[in-house]
Amino acid sequence: DTLVMSLIENSKNEINFSQEVLEAFNSLHDYMFSTLYVNPKCKGEEGKAVTLIKKLYEYYCSNPDQLPEFYRRISINEGVGRAACDYISGMSDRYAKSKYTELFIPHFWED
């Protein structure tokens, strides 16, 4: 909200943030790039995350009946690919990992 409101309030002939918001945005931008986006440890996990999302997408496209009801309705109106994308895009990282584990990692049982 702060970014959008700053743009609305400070844009005339050009799109601008207020100076205070611009400084905060630049600090956040620098932090995100230095600690997440190009961090070697994070980049090393990127391929795994891509695979996880692809597998979930393929699964829900092949099994639209496993989508929650809301997304099944979307699949009828807009296609199963759109519904699967919408469902997966709304997942937290933790939930996506949990669904992947539930669907693709063998479950062991005890006698």
PDB file of N, CA and C in Angstrom:
ATOM      1  N   ASP A   1       0.820  -1.180   0.000  1.00  0.00           N
ATOM      2  CA  ASP A   1       0.000   0.000   0.000  1.00  0.00           C
ATOM      3  C   ASP A   1       0.876   1.260   0.000  1.00  0.00           C
ATOM      4  N   THR A   2       1.940   1.233   0.774  1.00  0.00           N
ATOM      5  CA  THR A   2       2.821   2.402   0.873  1.00  0.00           C
ATOM      6  C   THR A   2       3.435   2.739  -0.476  1.00  0.00           C
ATOM      7  N   LEU A   3       3.896   1.716  -1.201  1.00  0.00           N
ATOM      8  CA  LEU A   3       4.501   1.973  -2.511  1.00  0.00           C
ATOM      9  C   LEU A   3       3.482   2.558  -3.481  1.00  0.00           C
ATOM     10  N   VAL A   4       2.314   1.965  -3.544  1.00  0.00           N
ATOM     11  CA  VAL A   4       1.287   2.426  -4.476  1.00  0.00           C
ATOM     12  C   VAL A   4       0.844   3.837  -4.126  1.00  0.00           C
ATOM     13  N   MET A   5       0.586   4.094  -2.854  1.00  0.00           N
ATOM     14  CA  MET A   5       0.143   5.429  -2.442  1.00  0.00           C
ATOM     15  C   MET A   5       1.217   6.470  -2.741  1.00  0.00           C
ATOM     16  N   SER A   6       2.480   6.119  -2.526  1.00  0.00           N
ATOM     17  CA  SER A   6       3.563   7.053  -2.824  1.00  0.00           C
ATOM     18  C   SER A   6       3.618   7.363  -4.312  1.00  0.00           C
ATOM     19  N   LEU A   7       3.427   6.353  -5.145  1.00  0.00           N
ATOM     20  CA  LEU A   7       3.408   6.586  -6.592  1.00  0.00           C
ATOM     21  C   LEU A   7       2.254   7.507  -6.987  1.00  0.00           C
ATOM     22  N   ILE A   8       1.082   7.251  -6.437  1.00  0.00           N
ATOM     23  CA  ILE A   8      -0.090   8.067  -6.770  1.00  0.00           C
ATOM     24  C   ILE A   8       0.128   9.514  -6.347  1.00  0.00           C
ATOM     25  N   GLU A   9       0.643   9.698  -5.157  1.00  0.00           N
ATOM     26  CA  GLU A   9       0.799  11.051  -4.607  1.00  0.00           C
ATOM     27  C   GLU A   9       1.961  11.823  -5.213  1.00  0.00           C
ATOM     28  N   ASN A  10       2.967  11.134  -5.765  1.00  0.00           N
ATOM     29  CA  ASN A  10       4.187  11.817  -6.216  1.00  0.00           C
ATOM     30  C   ASN A  10       4.415  11.790  -7.716  1.00  0.00           C
ATOM     31  N   SER A  11       3.482  11.240  -8.448  1.00  0.00           N
ATOM     32  CA  SER A  11       3.657  11.159  -9.903  1.00  0.00           C
ATOM     33  C   SER A  11       2.856  12.267 -10.581  1.00  0.00           C
ATOM     34  N   LYS A  12       3.557  13.054 -11.358  1.00  0.00           N
ATOM     35  CA  LYS A  12       2.905  14.092 -12.166  1.00  0.00           C
ATOM     36  C   LYS A  12       3.166  13.752 -13.629  1.00  0.00           C
ATOM     37  N   ASN A  13       4.235  14.289 -14.186  1.00  0.00           N
ATOM     38  CA  ASN A  13       4.617  13.975 -15.567  1.00  0.00           C
ATOM     39  C   ASN A  13       5.465  12.711 -15.642  1.00  0.00           C
ATOM     40  N   GLU A  14       6.009  12.312 -14.525  1.00  0.00           N
ATOM     41  CA  GLU A  14       6.821  11.100 -14.426  1.00  0.00           C
ATOM     42  C   GLU A  14       6.312  10.271 -13.256  1.00  0.00           C
ATOM     43  N   ILE A  15       6.615   8.979 -13.284  1.00  0.00           N
ATOM     44  CA  ILE A  15       6.232   8.104 -12.180  1.00  0.00           C
ATOM     45  C   ILE A  15       7.352   8.163 -11.143  1.00  0.00           C
ATOM     46  N   ASN A  16       7.000   8.580  -9.920  1.00  0.00           N
ATOM     47  CA  ASN A  16       7.991   8.752  -8.864  1.00  0.00           C
ATOM     48  C   ASN A  16       7.450   8.323  -7.507  1.00  0.00           C
ATOM     49  N   PHE A  17       8.371   7.831  -6.676  1.00  0.00           N
ATOM     50  CA  PHE A  17       8.101   7.641  -5.260  1.00  0.00           C
ATOM     51  C   PHE A  17       8.480   8.930  -4.538  1.00  0.00           C
ATOM     52  N   SER A  18       8.012   9.083  -3.300  1.00  0.00           N
ATOM     53  CA  SER A  18       8.550  10.149  -2.458  1.00  0.00           C
ATOM     54  C   SER A  18      10.005   9.785  -2.161  1.00  0.00           C
ATOM     55  N   GLN A  19      10.809  10.745  -1.756  1.00  0.00           N
ATOM     56  CA  GLN A  19      12.219  10.473  -1.469  1.00  0.00           C
ATOM     57  C   GLN A  19      12.366   9.438  -0.357  1.00  0.00           C
ATOM     58  N   GLU A  20      11.550   9.547   0.682  1.00  0.00           N
ATOM     59  CA  GLU A  20      11.612   8.612   1.807  1.00  0.00           C
ATOM     60  C   GLU A  20      11.270   7.184   1.365  1.00  0.00           C
ATOM     61  N   VAL A  21      10.218   7.038   0.572  1.00  0.00           N
ATOM     62  CA  VAL A  21       9.820   5.717   0.093  1.00  0.00           C
ATOM     63  C   VAL A  21      10.849   5.187  -0.894  1.00  0.00           C
ATOM     64  N   LEU A  22      11.398   6.036  -1.737  1.00  0.00           N
ATOM     65  CA  LEU A  22      12.430   5.603  -2.687  1.00  0.00           C
ATOM     66  C   LEU A  22      13.646   5.049  -1.947  1.00  0.00           C
ATOM     67  N   GLU A  23      14.069   5.720  -0.889  1.00  0.00           N
ATOM     68  CA  GLU A  23      15.215   5.244  -0.111  1.00  0.00           C
ATOM     69  C   GLU A  23      14.912   3.892   0.540  1.00  0.00           C
ATOM     70  N   ALA A  24      13.712   3.748   1.091  1.00  0.00           N
ATOM     71  CA  ALA A  24      13.324   2.472   1.707  1.00  0.00           C
ATOM     72  C   ALA A  24      13.244   1.377   0.653  1.00  0.00           C
ATOM     73  N   PHE A  25      12.662   1.691  -0.508  1.00  0.00           N
ATOM     74  CA  PHE A  25      12.558   0.720  -1.600  1.00  0.00           C
ATOM     75  C   PHE A  25      13.944   0.283  -2.059  1.00  0.00           C
ATOM     76  N   ASN A  26      14.847   1.226  -2.232  1.00  0.00           N
ATOM     77  CA  ASN A  26      16.207   0.894  -2.672  1.00  0.00           C
ATOM     78  C   ASN A  26      16.922   0.019  -1.641  1.00  0.00           C
ATOM     79  N   SER A  27      16.721   0.299  -0.360  1.00  0.00           N
ATOM     80  CA  SER A  27      17.327  -0.531   0.693  1.00  0.00           C
ATOM     81  C   SER A  27      16.779  -1.955   0.637  1.00  0.00           C
ATOM     82  N   LEU A  28      15.460  -2.070   0.491  1.00  0.00           N
ATOM     83  CA  LEU A  28      14.839  -3.393   0.394  1.00  0.00           C
ATOM     84  C   LEU A  28      15.327  -4.124  -0.857  1.00  0.00           C
ATOM     85  N   HIS A  29      15.375  -3.418  -1.969  1.00  0.00           N
ATOM     86  CA  HIS A  29      15.848  -3.995  -3.225  1.00  0.00           C
ATOM     87  C   HIS A  29      17.270  -4.539  -3.064  1.00  0.00           C
ATOM     88  N   ASP A  30      18.157  -3.721  -2.496  1.00  0.00           N
ATOM     89  CA  ASP A  30      19.547  -4.150  -2.297  1.00  0.00           C
ATOM     90  C   ASP A  30      19.621  -5.365  -1.386  1.00  0.00           C
ATOM     91  N   TYR A  31      18.841  -5.351  -0.314  1.00  0.00           N
ATOM     92  CA  TYR A  31      18.828  -6.478   0.618  1.00  0.00           C
ATOM     93  C   TYR A  31      18.335  -7.751  -0.070  1.00  0.00           C
ATOM     94  N   MET A  32      17.240  -7.664  -0.806  1.00  0.00           N
ATOM     95  CA  MET A  32      16.677  -8.843  -1.462  1.00  0.00           C
ATOM     96  C   MET A  32      17.669  -9.439  -2.462  1.00  0.00           C
ATOM     97  N   PHE A  33      18.347  -8.598  -3.216  1.00  0.00           N
ATOM     98  CA  PHE A  33      19.313  -9.124  -4.176  1.00  0.00           C
ATOM     99  C   PHE A  33      20.530  -9.713  -3.483  1.00  0.00           C
ATOM    100  N   SER A  34      21.032  -9.059  -2.455  1.00  0.00           N
ATOM    101  CA  SER A  34      22.251  -9.563  -1.814  1.00  0.00           C
ATOM    102  C   SER A  34      21.999 -10.812  -0.984  1.00  0.00           C
ATOM    103  N   THR A  35      20.810 -10.960  -0.422  1.00  0.00           N
ATOM    104  CA  THR A  35      20.578 -12.101   0.457  1.00  0.00           C
ATOM    105  C   THR A  35      19.758 -13.215  -0.170  1.00  0.00           C
ATOM    106  N   LEU A  36      18.963 -12.917  -1.186  1.00  0.00           N
ATOM    107  CA  LEU A  36      18.086 -13.943  -1.751  1.00  0.00           C
ATOM    108  C   LEU A  36      18.318 -14.197  -3.225  1.00  0.00           C
ATOM    109  N   TYR A  37      18.106 -13.212  -4.040  1.00  0.00           N
ATOM    110  CA  TYR A  37      18.037 -13.432  -5.485  1.00  0.00           C
ATOM    111  C   TYR A  37      19.326 -13.945  -6.096  1.00  0.00           C
ATOM    112  N   VAL A  38      20.471 -13.504  -5.630  1.00  0.00           N
ATOM    113  CA  VAL A  38      21.739 -13.962  -6.213  1.00  0.00           C
ATOM    114  C   VAL A  38      22.611 -14.698  -5.203  1.00  0.00           C
ATOM    115  N   ASN A  39      22.094 -14.936  -4.024  1.00  0.00           N
ATOM    116  CA  ASN A  39      22.834 -15.661  -3.004  1.00  0.00           C
ATOM    117  C   ASN A  39      23.092 -17.089  -3.487  1.00  0.00           C
ATOM    118  N   PRO A  40      24.352 -17.542  -3.493  1.00  0.00           N
ATOM    119  CA  PRO A  40      24.655 -18.885  -4.007  1.00  0.00           C
ATOM    120  C   PRO A  40      23.882 -20.003  -3.304  1.00  0.00           C
ATOM    121  N   LYS A  41      23.666 -19.878  -2.012  1.00  0.00           N
ATOM    122  CA  LYS A  41      22.924 -20.905  -1.282  1.00  0.00           C
ATOM    123  C   LYS A  41      21.478 -20.974  -1.783  1.00  0.00           C
ATOM    124  N   CYS A  42      20.862 -19.819  -1.965  1.00  0.00           N
ATOM    125  CA  CYS A  42      19.485 -19.782  -2.467  1.00  0.00           C
ATOM    126  C   CYS A  42      19.424 -20.238  -3.921  1.00  0.00           C
ATOM    127  N   LYS A  43      20.350 -19.783  -4.726  1.00  0.00           N
ATOM    128  CA  LYS A  43      20.365 -20.170  -6.142  1.00  0.00           C
ATOM    129  C   LYS A  43      20.534 -21.681  -6.289  1.00  0.00           C
ATOM    130  N   GLY A  44      21.252 -22.304  -5.359  1.00  0.00           N
ATOM    131  CA  GLY A  44      21.442 -23.745  -5.405  1.00  0.00           C
ATOM    132  C   GLY A  44      20.143 -24.519  -5.197  1.00  0.00           C
ATOM    133  N   GLU A  45      19.165 -23.897  -4.576  1.00  0.00           N
ATOM    134  CA  GLU A  45      17.864 -24.525  -4.331  1.00  0.00           C
ATOM    135  C   GLU A  45      16.852 -24.214  -5.433  1.00  0.00           C
ATOM    136  N   GLU A  46      17.166 -23.292  -6.295  1.00  0.00           N
ATOM    137  CA  GLU A  46      16.222 -22.820  -7.302  1.00  0.00           C
ATOM    138  C   GLU A  46      15.729 -23.929  -8.223  1.00  0.00           C
ATOM    139  N   GLY A  47      16.612 -24.774  -8.677  1.00  0.00           N
ATOM    140  CA  GLY A  47      16.224 -25.875  -9.562  1.00  0.00           C
ATOM    141  C   GLY A  47      15.241 -26.817  -8.901  1.00  0.00           C
ATOM    142  N   LYS A  48      15.441 -27.060  -7.609  1.00  0.00           N
ATOM    143  CA  LYS A  48      14.518 -27.916  -6.871  1.00  0.00           C
ATOM    144  C   LYS A  48      13.131 -27.287  -6.809  1.00  0.00           C
ATOM    145  N   ALA A  49      13.097 -25.983  -6.574  1.00  0.00           N
ATOM    146  CA  ALA A  49      11.812 -25.278  -6.492  1.00  0.00           C
ATOM    147  C   ALA A  49      11.085 -25.312  -7.834  1.00  0.00           C
ATOM    148  N   VAL A  50      11.823 -25.134  -8.920  1.00  0.00           N
ATOM    149  CA  VAL A  50      11.223 -25.188 -10.255  1.00  0.00           C
ATOM    150  C   VAL A  50      10.631 -26.574 -10.510  1.00  0.00           C
ATOM    151  N   THR A  51      11.382 -27.608 -10.168  1.00  0.00           N
ATOM    152  CA  THR A  51      10.898 -28.978 -10.343  1.00  0.00           C
ATOM    153  C   THR A  51       9.643 -29.222  -9.514  1.00  0.00           C
ATOM    154  N   LEU A  52       9.644 -28.768  -8.279  1.00  0.00           N
ATOM    155  CA  LEU A  52       8.494 -28.935  -7.403  1.00  0.00           C
ATOM    156  C   LEU A  52       7.244 -28.306  -8.030  1.00  0.00           C
ATOM    157  N   ILE A  53       7.368 -27.092  -8.502  1.00  0.00           N
ATOM    158  CA  ILE A  53       6.217 -26.394  -9.094  1.00  0.00           C
ATOM    159  C   ILE A  53       5.759 -27.085 -10.377  1.00  0.00           C
ATOM    160  N   LYS A  54       6.702 -27.491 -11.208  1.00  0.00           N
ATOM    161  CA  LYS A  54       6.330 -28.198 -12.438  1.00  0.00           C
ATOM    162  C   LYS A  54       5.583 -29.491 -12.141  1.00  0.00           C
ATOM    163  N   LYS A  55       6.075 -30.247 -11.176  1.00  0.00           N
ATOM    164  CA  LYS A  55       5.426 -31.520 -10.833  1.00  0.00           C
ATOM    165  C   LYS A  55       4.023 -31.292 -10.280  1.00  0.00           C
ATOM    166  N   LEU A  56       3.848 -30.289  -9.431  1.00  0.00           N
ATOM    167  CA  LEU A  56       2.513 -29.975  -8.927  1.00  0.00           C
ATOM    168  C   LEU A  56       1.587 -29.572 -10.074  1.00  0.00           C
ATOM    169  N   TYR A  57       2.094 -28.753 -10.973  1.00  0.00           N
ATOM    170  CA  TYR A  57       1.289 -28.307 -12.116  1.00  0.00           C
ATOM    171  C   TYR A  57       0.867 -29.506 -12.969  1.00  0.00           C
ATOM    172  N   GLU A  58       1.812 -30.358 -13.306  1.00  0.00           N
ATOM    173  CA  GLU A  58       1.497 -31.541 -14.115  1.00  0.00           C
ATOM    174  C   GLU A  58       0.477 -32.430 -13.402  1.00  0.00           C
ATOM    175  N   TYR A  59       0.647 -32.589 -12.100  1.00  0.00           N
ATOM    176  CA  TYR A  59      -0.272 -33.432 -11.342  1.00  0.00           C
ATOM    177  C   TYR A  59      -1.691 -32.871 -11.392  1.00  0.00           C
ATOM    178  N   TYR A  60      -1.845 -31.593 -11.088  1.00  0.00           N
ATOM    179  CA  TYR A  60      -3.196 -31.024 -11.048  1.00  0.00           C
ATOM    180  C   TYR A  60      -3.818 -30.915 -12.436  1.00  0.00           C
ATOM    181  N   CYS A  61      -3.012 -30.730 -13.466  1.00  0.00           N
ATOM    182  CA  CYS A  61      -3.561 -30.739 -14.831  1.00  0.00           C
ATOM    183  C   CYS A  61      -4.059 -32.130 -15.202  1.00  0.00           C
ATOM    184  N   SER A  62      -3.369 -33.150 -14.730  1.00  0.00           N
ATOM    185  CA  SER A  62      -3.780 -34.532 -15.014  1.00  0.00           C
ATOM    186  C   SER A  62      -4.864 -35.037 -14.062  1.00  0.00           C
ATOM    187  N   ASN A  63      -5.018 -34.380 -12.933  1.00  0.00           N
ATOM    188  CA  ASN A  63      -5.976 -34.810 -11.910  1.00  0.00           C
ATOM    189  C   ASN A  63      -6.799 -33.616 -11.413  1.00  0.00           C
ATOM    190  N   PRO A  64      -7.542 -32.969 -12.290  1.00  0.00           N
ATOM    191  CA  PRO A  64      -8.274 -31.766 -11.866  1.00  0.00           C
ATOM    192  C   PRO A  64      -9.290 -32.043 -10.761  1.00  0.00           C
ATOM    193  N   ASP A  65      -9.707 -33.281 -10.622  1.00  0.00           N
ATOM    194  CA  ASP A  65     -10.638 -33.637  -9.550  1.00  0.00           C
ATOM    195  C   ASP A  65      -9.994 -33.506  -8.166  1.00  0.00           C
ATOM    196  N   GLN A  66      -8.658 -33.386  -8.118  1.00  0.00           N
ATOM    197  CA  GLN A  66      -7.953 -33.224  -6.852  1.00  0.00           C
ATOM    198  C   GLN A  66      -7.787 -31.756  -6.454  1.00  0.00           C
ATOM    199  N   LEU A  67      -8.194 -30.862  -7.350  1.00  0.00           N
ATOM    200  CA  LEU A  67      -8.170 -29.441  -7.007  1.00  0.00           C
ATOM    201  C   LEU A  67      -9.295 -29.129  -6.032  1.00  0.00           C
ATOM    202  N   PRO A  68      -9.107 -28.152  -5.157  1.00  0.00           N
ATOM    203  CA  PRO A  68     -10.227 -27.725  -4.317  1.00  0.00           C
ATOM    204  C   PRO A  68     -11.396 -27.253  -5.193  1.00  0.00           C
ATOM    205  N   GLU A  69     -12.582 -27.313  -4.667  1.00  0.00           N
ATOM    206  CA  GLU A  69     -13.807 -27.000  -5.418  1.00  0.00           C
ATOM    207  C   GLU A  69     -13.729 -25.664  -6.155  1.00  0.00           C
ATOM    208  N   PHE A  70     -13.254 -24.631  -5.499  1.00  0.00           N
ATOM    209  CA  PHE A  70     -13.155 -23.315  -6.127  1.00  0.00           C
ATOM    210  C   PHE A  70     -12.356 -23.382  -7.428  1.00  0.00           C
ATOM    211  N   TYR A  71     -11.250 -24.096  -7.408  1.00  0.00           N
ATOM    212  CA  TYR A  71     -10.379 -24.198  -8.585  1.00  0.00           C
ATOM    213  C   TYR A  71     -10.950 -25.154  -9.623  1.00  0.00           C
ATOM    214  N   ARG A  72     -11.724 -26.126  -9.206  1.00  0.00           N
ATOM    215  CA  ARG A  72     -12.409 -26.985 -10.184  1.00  0.00           C
ATOM    216  C   ARG A  72     -13.394 -26.149 -10.996  1.00  0.00           C
ATOM    217  N   ARG A  73     -14.069 -25.218 -10.345  1.00  0.00           N
ATOM    218  CA  ARG A  73     -14.989 -24.338 -11.088  1.00  0.00           C
ATOM    219  C   ARG A  73     -14.221 -23.467 -12.070  1.00  0.00           C
ATOM    220  N   ILE A  74     -13.061 -22.975 -11.655  1.00  0.00           N
ATOM    221  CA  ILE A  74     -12.223 -22.193 -12.570  1.00  0.00           C
ATOM    222  C   ILE A  74     -11.820 -23.051 -13.759  1.00  0.00           C
ATOM    223  N   SER A  75     -11.489 -24.308 -13.511  1.00  0.00           N
ATOM    224  CA  SER A  75     -11.050 -25.190 -14.604  1.00  0.00           C
ATOM    225  C   SER A  75     -12.149 -25.380 -15.637  1.00  0.00           C
ATOM    226  N   ILE A  76     -13.391 -25.378 -15.211  1.00  0.00           N
ATOM    227  CA  ILE A  76     -14.509 -25.520 -16.151  1.00  0.00           C
ATOM    228  C   ILE A  76     -14.623 -24.280 -17.027  1.00  0.00           C
ATOM    229  N   ASN A  77     -14.475 -23.108 -16.425  1.00  0.00           N
ATOM    230  CA  ASN A  77     -14.652 -21.848 -17.156  1.00  0.00           C
ATOM    231  C   ASN A  77     -13.410 -21.395 -17.912  1.00  0.00           C
ATOM    232  N   GLU A  78     -12.233 -21.645 -17.341  1.00  0.00           N
ATOM    233  CA  GLU A  78     -11.013 -21.077 -17.923  1.00  0.00           C
ATOM    234  C   GLU A  78      -9.949 -22.110 -18.282  1.00  0.00           C
ATOM    235  N   GLY A  79     -10.225 -23.367 -18.042  1.00  0.00           N
ATOM    236  CA  GLY A  79      -9.271 -24.419 -18.366  1.00  0.00           C
ATOM    237  C   GLY A  79      -8.513 -24.893 -17.146  1.00  0.00           C
ATOM    238  N   VAL A  80      -8.141 -26.158 -17.202  1.00  0.00           N
ATOM    239  CA  VAL A  80      -7.480 -26.764 -16.056  1.00  0.00           C
ATOM    240  C   VAL A  80      -6.081 -26.166 -15.833  1.00  0.00           C
ATOM    241  N   GLY A  81      -5.398 -25.769 -16.900  1.00  0.00           N
ATOM    242  CA  GLY A  81      -4.073 -25.156 -16.743  1.00  0.00           C
ATOM    243  C   GLY A  81      -4.143 -23.874 -15.941  1.00  0.00           C
ATOM    244  N   ARG A  82      -5.133 -23.050 -16.246  1.00  0.00           N
ATOM    245  CA  ARG A  82      -5.318 -21.798 -15.512  1.00  0.00           C
ATOM    246  C   ARG A  82      -5.653 -22.081 -14.051  1.00  0.00           C
ATOM    247  N   ALA A  83      -6.531 -23.051 -13.819  1.00  0.00           N
ATOM    248  CA  ALA A  83      -6.923 -23.397 -12.448  1.00  0.00           C
ATOM    249  C   ALA A  83      -5.724 -23.910 -11.655  1.00  0.00           C
ATOM    250  N   ALA A  84      -4.922 -24.773 -12.267  1.00  0.00           N
ATOM    251  CA  ALA A  84      -3.736 -25.312 -11.589  1.00  0.00           C
ATOM    252  C   ALA A  84      -2.758 -24.190 -11.261  1.00  0.00           C
ATOM    253  N   CYS A  85      -2.542 -23.281 -12.211  1.00  0.00           N
ATOM    254  CA  CYS A  85      -1.647 -22.130 -11.963  1.00  0.00           C
ATOM    255  C   CYS A  85      -2.152 -21.285 -10.809  1.00  0.00           C
ATOM    256  N   ASP A  86      -3.440 -20.982 -10.818  1.00  0.00           N
ATOM    257  CA  ASP A  86      -4.005 -20.148  -9.758  1.00  0.00           C
ATOM    258  C   ASP A  86      -3.867 -20.824  -8.400  1.00  0.00           C
ATOM    259  N   TYR A  87      -4.140 -22.113  -8.347  1.00  0.00           N
ATOM    260  CA  TYR A  87      -4.047 -22.844  -7.087  1.00  0.00           C
ATOM    261  C   TYR A  87      -2.607 -22.853  -6.577  1.00  0.00           C
ATOM    262  N   ILE A  88      -1.678 -23.208  -7.427  1.00  0.00           N
ATOM    263  CA  ILE A  88      -0.278 -23.305  -7.021  1.00  0.00           C
ATOM    264  C   ILE A  88       0.279 -21.932  -6.657  1.00  0.00           C
ATOM    265  N   SER A  89      -0.100 -20.902  -7.399  1.00  0.00           N
ATOM    266  CA  SER A  89       0.438 -19.563  -7.112  1.00  0.00           C
ATOM    267  C   SER A  89      -0.022 -19.043  -5.759  1.00  0.00           C
ATOM    268  N   GLY A  90      -1.130 -19.559  -5.254  1.00  0.00           N
ATOM    269  CA  GLY A  90      -1.615 -19.145  -3.943  1.00  0.00           C
ATOM    270  C   GLY A  90      -1.025 -19.933  -2.788  1.00  0.00           C
ATOM    271  N   MET A  91      -0.221 -20.938  -3.097  1.00  0.00           N
ATOM    272  CA  MET A  91       0.374 -21.759  -2.036  1.00  0.00           C
ATOM    273  C   MET A  91       1.574 -21.057  -1.412  1.00  0.00           C
ATOM    274  N   SER A  92       1.703 -21.194  -0.104  1.00  0.00           N
ATOM    275  CA  SER A  92       2.944 -20.761   0.540  1.00  0.00           C
ATOM    276  C   SER A  92       4.030 -21.775   0.174  1.00  0.00           C
ATOM    277  N   ASP A  93       5.270 -21.416   0.391  1.00  0.00           N
ATOM    278  CA  ASP A  93       6.369 -22.355   0.127  1.00  0.00           C
ATOM    279  C   ASP A  93       6.184 -23.626   0.952  1.00  0.00           C
ATOM    280  N   ARG A  94       5.842 -23.449   2.202  1.00  0.00           N
ATOM    281  CA  ARG A  94       5.684 -24.584   3.115  1.00  0.00           C
ATOM    282  C   ARG A  94       4.550 -25.501   2.650  1.00  0.00           C
ATOM    283  N   TYR A  95       3.426 -24.905   2.231  1.00  0.00           N
ATOM    284  CA  TYR A  95       2.289 -25.708   1.790  1.00  0.00           C
ATOM    285  C   TYR A  95       2.615 -26.436   0.489  1.00  0.00           C
ATOM    286  N   ALA A  96       3.282 -25.767  -0.449  1.00  0.00           N
ATOM    287  CA  ALA A  96       3.663 -26.410  -1.709  1.00  0.00           C
ATOM    288  C   ALA A  96       4.580 -27.602  -1.438  1.00  0.00           C
ATOM    289  N   LYS A  97       5.529 -27.432  -0.540  1.00  0.00           N
ATOM    290  CA  LYS A  97       6.432 -28.527  -0.191  1.00  0.00           C
ATOM    291  C   LYS A  97       5.654 -29.674   0.461  1.00  0.00           C
ATOM    292  N   SER A  98       4.703 -29.327   1.298  1.00  0.00           N
ATOM    293  CA  SER A  98       3.872 -30.340   1.947  1.00  0.00           C
ATOM    294  C   SER A  98       3.033 -31.115   0.922  1.00  0.00           C
ATOM    295  N   LYS A  99       2.416 -30.410  -0.026  1.00  0.00           N
ATOM    296  CA  LYS A  99       1.622 -31.084  -1.065  1.00  0.00           C
ATOM    297  C   LYS A  99       2.524 -31.963  -1.926  1.00  0.00           C
ATOM    298  N   TYR A 100       3.699 -31.482  -2.286  1.00  0.00           N
ATOM    299  CA  TYR A 100       4.637 -32.268  -3.077  1.00  0.00           C
ATOM    300  C   TYR A 100       5.000 -33.545  -2.337  1.00  0.00           C
ATOM    301  N   THR A 101       5.316 -33.418  -1.057  1.00  0.00           N
ATOM    302  CA  THR A 101       5.668 -34.585  -0.246  1.00  0.00           C
ATOM    303  C   THR A 101       4.503 -35.566  -0.194  1.00  0.00           C
ATOM    304  N   GLU A 102       3.315 -35.038   0.021  1.00  0.00           N
ATOM    305  CA  GLU A 102       2.115 -35.883   0.088  1.00  0.00           C
ATOM    306  C   GLU A 102       1.886 -36.642  -1.222  1.00  0.00           C
ATOM    307  N   LEU A 103       2.113 -35.979  -2.338  1.00  0.00           N
ATOM    308  CA  LEU A 103       1.795 -36.560  -3.641  1.00  0.00           C
ATOM    309  C   LEU A 103       2.912 -37.430  -4.233  1.00  0.00           C
ATOM    310  N   PHE A 104       4.169 -37.099  -3.948  1.00  0.00           N
ATOM    311  CA  PHE A 104       5.257 -37.724  -4.693  1.00  0.00           C
ATOM    312  C   PHE A 104       6.296 -38.480  -3.859  1.00  0.00           C
ATOM    313  N   ILE A 105       6.274 -38.314  -2.564  1.00  0.00           N
ATOM    314  CA  ILE A 105       7.257 -39.004  -1.727  1.00  0.00           C
ATOM    315  C   ILE A 105       6.568 -40.221  -1.115  1.00  0.00           C
ATOM    316  N   PRO A 106       7.157 -41.401  -1.248  1.00  0.00           N
ATOM    317  CA  PRO A 106       6.522 -42.604  -0.692  1.00  0.00           C
ATOM    318  C   PRO A 106       6.282 -42.467   0.811  1.00  0.00           C
ATOM    319  N   HIS A 107       5.144 -42.948   1.224  1.00  0.00           N
ATOM    320  CA  HIS A 107       4.793 -42.959   2.642  1.00  0.00           C
ATOM    321  C   HIS A 107       5.138 -44.332   3.202  1.00  0.00           C
ATOM    322  N   PHE A 108       5.781 -44.317   4.329  1.00  0.00           N
ATOM    323  CA  PHE A 108       6.132 -45.575   4.974  1.00  0.00           C
ATOM    324  C   PHE A 108       5.153 -45.843   6.092  1.00  0.00           C
ATOM    325  N   TRP A 109       4.908 -47.086   6.344  1.00  0.00           N
ATOM    326  CA  TRP A 109       3.952 -47.444   7.378  1.00  0.00           C
ATOM    327  C   TRP A 109       4.620 -48.368   8.371  1.00  0.00           C
ATOM    328  N   GLU A 110       4.016 -48.405   9.521  1.00  0.00           N
ATOM    329  CA  GLU A 110       4.502 -49.303  10.547  1.00  0.00           C
ATOM    330  C   GLU A 110       3.513 -50.416  10.763  1.00  0.00           C
ATOM    331  N   ASP A 111       4.002 -51.621  11.068  1.00  0.00           N
ATOM    332  CA  ASP A 111       3.118 -52.756  11.310  1.00  0.00           C
ATOM    333  C   ASP A 111       2.453 -52.660  12.665  1.00  0.00           C
TER     334      ASP A 111
END
